[in-house]
């Protein structure tokens, strides 16, 4: 979202592909169907935001919760 705001298409594209790879790897490792469903929905929303070039701060806040949880698990 930050790269999109800056108008940096190259960085945005790279970040987008990395995010999709991470989401896909996480989904593949989870056995819980409800957790996979939620993350796949977030993947869909991310794709919509990138394709429409819309900065969605709600999506930033959503993924920040995953980052905080991962940091706390260390």
C-alpha atoms as a PDB file:
ATOM      1  CA  UNK A   1       0.000   0.000   0.000  1.00  0.00           C
ATOM      2  CA  UNK A   2       2.895   2.349   0.745  1.00  0.00           C
ATOM      3  CA  UNK A   3       4.484   1.713  -2.638  1.00  0.00           C
ATOM      4  CA  UNK A   4       1.113   2.277  -4.275  1.00  0.00           C
ATOM      5  CA  UNK A   5       0.792   5.640  -2.530  1.00  0.00           C
ATOM      6  CA  UNK A   6       4.287   6.611  -3.689  1.00  0.00           C
ATOM      7  CA  UNK A   7       3.441   5.597  -7.241  1.00  0.00           C
ATOM      8  CA  UNK A   8       6.253   3.048  -7.240  1.00  0.00           C
ATOM      9  CA  UNK A   9       4.805   0.354  -9.475  1.00  0.00           C
ATOM     10  CA  UNK A  10       7.913  -1.837  -9.486  1.00  0.00           C
ATOM     11  CA  UNK A  11       8.083  -2.042  -5.682  1.00  0.00           C
ATOM     12  CA  UNK A  12       4.346  -2.517  -5.443  1.00  0.00           C
ATOM     13  CA  UNK A  13       4.412  -5.423  -7.903  1.00  0.00           C
ATOM     14  CA  UNK A  14       7.252  -7.120  -6.040  1.00  0.00           C
ATOM     15  CA  UNK A  15       5.578  -6.685  -2.663  1.00  0.00           C
ATOM     16  CA  UNK A  16       2.306  -7.975  -4.078  1.00  0.00           C
ATOM     17  CA  UNK A  17       3.898 -11.166  -5.434  1.00  0.00           C
ATOM     18  CA  UNK A  18       5.790 -11.749  -2.176  1.00  0.00           C
ATOM     19  CA  UNK A  19       2.562 -11.303  -0.205  1.00  0.00           C
ATOM     20  CA  UNK A  20       0.746 -13.802  -2.422  1.00  0.00           C
ATOM     21  CA  UNK A  21       3.579 -16.313  -1.990  1.00  0.00           C
ATOM     22  CA  UNK A  22       3.511 -15.922   1.803  1.00  0.00           C
ATOM     23  CA  UNK A  23      -0.254 -16.239   1.971  1.00  0.00           C
ATOM     24  CA  UNK A  24      -0.242 -19.321  -0.242  1.00  0.00           C
ATOM     25  CA  UNK A  25       2.503 -20.968   1.832  1.00  0.00           C
ATOM     26  CA  UNK A  26       0.636 -20.206   5.056  1.00  0.00           C
ATOM     27  CA  UNK A  27      -2.634 -21.567   3.689  1.00  0.00           C
ATOM     28  CA  UNK A  28      -0.881 -24.746   2.562  1.00  0.00           C
ATOM     29  CA  UNK A  29       0.538 -25.317   6.045  1.00  0.00           C
ATOM     30  CA  UNK A  30      -2.726 -24.771   7.962  1.00  0.00           C
ATOM     31  CA  UNK A  31      -5.055 -27.699   8.505  1.00  0.00           C
ATOM     32  CA  UNK A  32      -7.929 -25.670   9.962  1.00  0.00           C
ATOM     33  CA  UNK A  33     -10.510 -24.914   7.249  1.00  0.00           C
ATOM     34  CA  UNK A  34     -11.901 -21.749   8.919  1.00  0.00           C
ATOM     35  CA  UNK A  35      -8.422 -20.253   9.235  1.00  0.00           C
ATOM     36  CA  UNK A  36      -7.632 -21.041   5.599  1.00  0.00           C
ATOM     37  CA  UNK A  37     -10.943 -19.551   4.485  1.00  0.00           C
ATOM     38  CA  UNK A  38     -10.268 -16.286   6.320  1.00  0.00           C
ATOM     39  CA  UNK A  39      -6.769 -15.954   4.917  1.00  0.00           C
ATOM     40  CA  UNK A  40      -7.950 -16.730   1.387  1.00  0.00           C
ATOM     41  CA  UNK A  41     -10.570 -14.005   1.762  1.00  0.00           C
ATOM     42  CA  UNK A  42      -7.823 -11.584   2.818  1.00  0.00           C
ATOM     43  CA  UNK A  43      -5.810 -12.680  -0.242  1.00  0.00           C
ATOM     44  CA  UNK A  44      -8.807 -11.857  -2.407  1.00  0.00           C
ATOM     45  CA  UNK A  45      -9.177  -8.404  -0.845  1.00  0.00           C
ATOM     46  CA  UNK A  46      -5.462  -7.734  -1.336  1.00  0.00           C
ATOM     47  CA  UNK A  47      -5.752  -8.675  -5.002  1.00  0.00           C
ATOM     48  CA  UNK A  48      -8.755  -6.407  -5.470  1.00  0.00           C
ATOM     49  CA  UNK A  49      -6.914  -3.484  -3.866  1.00  0.00           C
ATOM     50  CA  UNK A  50      -3.835  -3.977  -6.043  1.00  0.00           C
ATOM     51  CA  UNK A  51      -5.765  -4.486  -9.275  1.00  0.00           C
ATOM     52  CA  UNK A  52      -7.941  -1.424  -8.678  1.00  0.00           C
ATOM     53  CA  UNK A  53      -4.989   0.655  -7.423  1.00  0.00           C
ATOM     54  CA  UNK A  54      -7.002   1.494  -4.285  1.00  0.00           C
ATOM     55  CA  UNK A  55      -5.175   2.153  -1.023  1.00  0.00           C
ATOM     56  CA  UNK A  56      -7.109   0.264   1.642  1.00  0.00           C
ATOM     57  CA  UNK A  57      -5.952   1.218   5.135  1.00  0.00           C
ATOM     58  CA  UNK A  58      -8.366  -1.329   6.611  1.00  0.00           C
ATOM     59  CA  UNK A  59      -6.405  -4.027   4.842  1.00  0.00           C
ATOM     60  CA  UNK A  60      -3.191  -2.645   6.323  1.00  0.00           C
ATOM     61  CA  UNK A  61      -4.705  -2.856   9.799  1.00  0.00           C
ATOM     62  CA  UNK A  62      -5.898  -6.404   9.134  1.00  0.00           C
ATOM     63  CA  UNK A  63      -2.475  -7.677   8.104  1.00  0.00           C
ATOM     64  CA  UNK A  64      -0.812  -5.764  10.943  1.00  0.00           C
ATOM     65  CA  UNK A  65      -2.607  -8.093  13.360  1.00  0.00           C
ATOM     66  CA  UNK A  66      -0.838 -11.056  11.736  1.00  0.00           C
ATOM     67  CA  UNK A  67       2.495  -9.259  12.018  1.00  0.00           C
ATOM     68  CA  UNK A  68       1.917  -8.528  15.716  1.00  0.00           C
ATOM     69  CA  UNK A  69       0.899 -12.135  16.418  1.00  0.00           C
ATOM     70  CA  UNK A  70       3.989 -13.444  14.622  1.00  0.00           C
ATOM     71  CA  UNK A  71       6.238 -11.077  16.565  1.00  0.00           C
ATOM     72  CA  UNK A  72       4.687 -12.125  19.887  1.00  0.00           C
ATOM     73  CA  UNK A  73       5.147 -15.817  19.044  1.00  0.00           C
ATOM     74  CA  UNK A  74       8.923 -15.430  18.827  1.00  0.00           C
END
